[in-house]
Structure formats: C-alpha cells, structure tokens
Amino acid sequence: MKPAAKHVSLLLLPVHTSAAVAAAVPALLAARLTGKATFTFRSLSGDEARALGALLAVAYLEYIAG
C-alpha cells in the first residue's frame, strides 16, 4: 500500500501476472484499477472492502499453489 495525500494505492501484481486472479476482479473493483495492477481508493465502501478481501484471498491461494 502507498498512502498519498488524497488516496491510497494498492499494487497487486498477481492481477497482472495471473489469469485466475485477473478473472476474479469484480466490476466493483475494476473501476478502481488505475494501471495494470494498481487499485486506487479515496474511500472504501463495505462492499468494496469485502470484494477486496475476496480478491486478496484468491491472490494468496494462487501464491500458495505456486
């Protein structure tokens, strides 16, 4: 995570490198994607937080699977 004056950016490289993780990005979070693997948030709703948690879980499981 990279805090800035008005937003927080989350760089999640597996979104760019793993087809499974990229496919797991819901439309709710896709709107926050500002690069190939960077999500930018000025605020975070409850739905976005749950979707982000689920996406991080998918990325973690892909990492563990190797």
Foldseek 3Di string as FASTA:
>chain_A
DDDDDQKDKDFDCCCQVPPQLVVLQDPVQVVQDPDSGIGIGSDADPVRVVSVVVSVVSSVVVVVVD
